[in-house]
Amino acid sequence: MRYPVVIHQEGDSAYGVTVPDIAGCFSAGDTLDEALQNTKESIESHLELLAEDGQVAPAATNIQQHKNNPDYQDGMWALVDIDVTPFTGKSEKVNVTLPALLIKKIDDAVTAGYGKNRSAFLADSALKYLSAI
C-alpha cells in the first residue's frame, strides 16, 4: 500500500513527517531521505501494533483527500510504499471463482504496477474495502 505523507521543515530544522491515514503516526529525520526511511519504520511499527490488537491496516487514501487540511499547509507530499501482508497474519491458499473479464482487468492492473501479483492485488483491495467499513 502506498501511504501519503506530508513533510514539513521549519527553517534549518529537521524534517518532520506526518502520516495522515494512520492516527498518531509521525517521524522525523535530519535529511529528507532519513525522514522518509524513518517514516517507513514508523508506519511498520504502527501496523505491527494494530495487528497485535487484531486490527487491519488502515486504507491508504490519495493525497487529494488531505491537501485542504490546514494542518498540512505548506507541506511537501510523498508516498511511502509499505507491504502490509506481514501485518495481516499467515497466508492461506483459497480457491475463488471470478468472471474472466474481472480476472483480465485484475491482471492488467498488476501489469500496470498496482500490486506484485494477482493475490497481492486482491488482498490489498480487500484490505482497502474492509478498512473503509
Protein backbone atom coordinates (compact mmCIF):
# COMPACT_ATOMS: atom_id res chain seq x y z
CA MET A 1 0.00 0.00 0.00
CA ARG A 2 1.25 3.48 -0.78
CA TYR A 3 0.58 5.81 2.16
CA PRO A 4 0.63 9.56 1.56
CA VAL A 5 2.86 11.51 3.94
CA VAL A 6 3.29 15.23 4.44
CA ILE A 7 6.72 16.65 5.18
CA HIS A 8 7.40 19.93 6.95
CA GLN A 9 10.61 21.75 7.70
CA GLU A 10 10.86 24.93 9.74
CA GLY A 11 13.94 26.92 8.78
CA ASP A 12 17.05 24.75 9.10
CA SER A 13 15.45 22.23 11.47
CA ALA A 14 14.96 18.52 10.87
CA TYR A 15 12.24 17.29 8.54
CA GLY A 16 9.01 16.32 10.32
CA VAL A 17 6.73 13.76 8.66
CA THR A 18 3.07 13.00 9.39
CA VAL A 19 1.10 10.02 8.06
CA PRO A 20 -2.50 11.30 7.83
CA ASP A 21 -4.07 7.87 7.28
CA ILE A 22 -2.58 6.36 10.46
CA ALA A 23 -3.55 8.15 13.66
CA GLY A 24 -0.55 9.09 15.77
CA CYS A 25 1.99 8.04 13.16
CA PHE A 26 4.76 10.55 12.59
CA SER A 27 8.51 10.65 12.22
CA ALA A 28 11.45 12.92 11.52
CA GLY A 29 14.98 12.99 10.16
CA ASP A 30 17.87 15.36 9.61
CA THR A 31 17.71 14.78 5.85
CA LEU A 32 14.73 14.14 3.62
CA ASP A 33 15.93 10.61 2.84
CA GLU A 34 16.42 9.86 6.54
CA ALA A 35 12.98 11.26 7.37
CA LEU A 36 11.30 9.06 4.76
CA GLN A 37 13.21 5.95 5.87
CA ASN A 38 12.29 6.65 9.50
CA THR A 39 8.68 7.15 8.41
CA LYS A 40 8.62 3.74 6.74
CA GLU A 41 9.84 2.19 10.00
CA SER A 42 7.26 4.18 11.99
CA ILE A 43 4.42 3.01 9.73
CA GLU A 44 5.55 -0.61 10.02
CA SER A 45 5.71 -0.30 13.83
CA HIS A 46 2.19 1.13 13.95
CA LEU A 47 0.85 -1.62 11.69
CA GLU A 48 2.52 -4.26 13.85
CA LEU A 49 0.78 -2.88 16.95
CA LEU A 50 -2.55 -2.78 15.15
CA ALA A 51 -2.10 -6.39 14.03
CA GLU A 52 -1.32 -7.46 17.59
CA ASP A 53 -4.66 -5.89 18.59
CA GLY A 54 -6.45 -7.78 15.80
CA GLN A 55 -6.97 -4.71 13.63
CA VAL A 56 -6.30 -4.45 9.91
CA ALA A 57 -4.07 -1.78 8.41
CA PRO A 58 -5.90 1.45 7.63
CA ALA A 59 -6.53 2.01 3.95
CA ALA A 60 -4.17 4.36 2.18
CA THR A 61 -6.04 7.28 0.66
CA ASN A 62 -4.89 9.62 -2.05
CA ILE A 63 -3.12 12.88 -1.36
CA GLN A 64 -6.05 14.94 -2.67
CA GLN A 65 -8.13 13.93 0.36
CA HIS A 66 -5.68 15.67 2.68
CA LYS A 67 -4.41 18.68 0.70
CA ASN A 68 -7.02 21.10 2.05
CA ASN A 69 -6.40 20.20 5.69
CA PRO A 70 -4.93 23.30 7.36
CA ASP A 71 -2.59 21.09 9.44
CA TYR A 72 -0.77 20.18 6.24
CA GLN A 73 -0.49 23.65 4.70
CA ASP A 74 2.87 24.37 3.12
CA GLY A 75 3.86 20.72 3.40
CA MET A 76 5.56 18.66 0.73
CA TRP A 77 3.79 15.41 -0.17
CA ALA A 78 5.29 11.99 -0.85
CA LEU A 79 4.15 8.37 -0.96
CA VAL A 80 5.69 5.65 1.21
CA ASP A 81 5.21 2.13 -0.13
CA ILE A 82 4.52 -0.43 2.59
CA ASP A 83 3.98 -4.15 2.16
CA VAL A 84 1.11 -4.73 4.60
CA THR A 85 0.99 -8.51 4.16
CA PRO A 86 3.32 -9.23 7.12
CA PHE A 87 0.75 -7.49 9.34
CA THR A 88 -2.27 -9.49 8.20
CA GLY A 89 -1.38 -12.93 9.55
CA LYS A 90 -0.23 -16.15 7.97
CA SER A 91 -1.17 -16.64 4.33
CA GLU A 92 -3.64 -19.33 3.43
CA LYS A 93 -4.44 -20.65 0.00
CA VAL A 94 -8.08 -20.36 -1.10
CA ASN A 95 -9.87 -21.01 -4.35
CA VAL A 96 -12.10 -18.29 -5.73
CA THR A 97 -14.29 -18.16 -8.79
CA LEU A 98 -14.33 -14.87 -10.68
CA PRO A 99 -15.63 -13.80 -14.09
CA ALA A 100 -13.00 -13.97 -16.85
CA LEU A 101 -13.26 -10.24 -17.64
CA LEU A 102 -12.66 -9.34 -13.99
CA ILE A 103 -9.58 -11.59 -13.88
CA LYS A 104 -8.28 -9.89 -17.02
CA LYS A 105 -8.80 -6.44 -15.50
CA ILE A 106 -7.03 -7.53 -12.30
CA ASP A 107 -4.11 -8.92 -14.30
CA ASP A 108 -3.94 -5.70 -16.36
CA ALA A 109 -3.81 -3.67 -13.13
CA VAL A 110 -0.99 -5.86 -11.79
CA THR A 111 0.92 -5.45 -15.05
CA ALA A 112 0.47 -1.67 -14.71
CA GLY A 113 2.12 -1.81 -11.29
CA TYR A 114 -0.88 -1.93 -8.93
CA GLY A 115 0.33 -4.94 -6.99
CA LYS A 116 3.04 -7.56 -7.02
CA ASN A 117 0.76 -10.28 -8.32
CA ARG A 118 -2.92 -11.24 -8.54
CA SER A 119 -3.08 -12.46 -4.94
CA ALA A 120 -1.44 -9.31 -3.58
CA PHE A 121 -3.80 -7.14 -5.62
CA LEU A 122 -6.85 -8.98 -4.28
CA ALA A 123 -5.54 -8.84 -0.70
CA ASP A 124 -4.81 -5.10 -0.94
CA SER A 125 -8.23 -4.45 -2.47
CA ALA A 126 -9.96 -6.42 0.27
CA LEU A 127 -7.99 -4.57 2.98
CA LYS A 128 -8.96 -1.20 1.50
CA TYR A 129 -12.60 -2.20 1.39
CA LEU A 130 -12.62 -3.67 4.90
CA SER A 131 -10.85 -0.73 6.50
CA ALA A 132 -13.41 1.63 4.96
CA ILE A 133 -16.41 -0.11 6.56
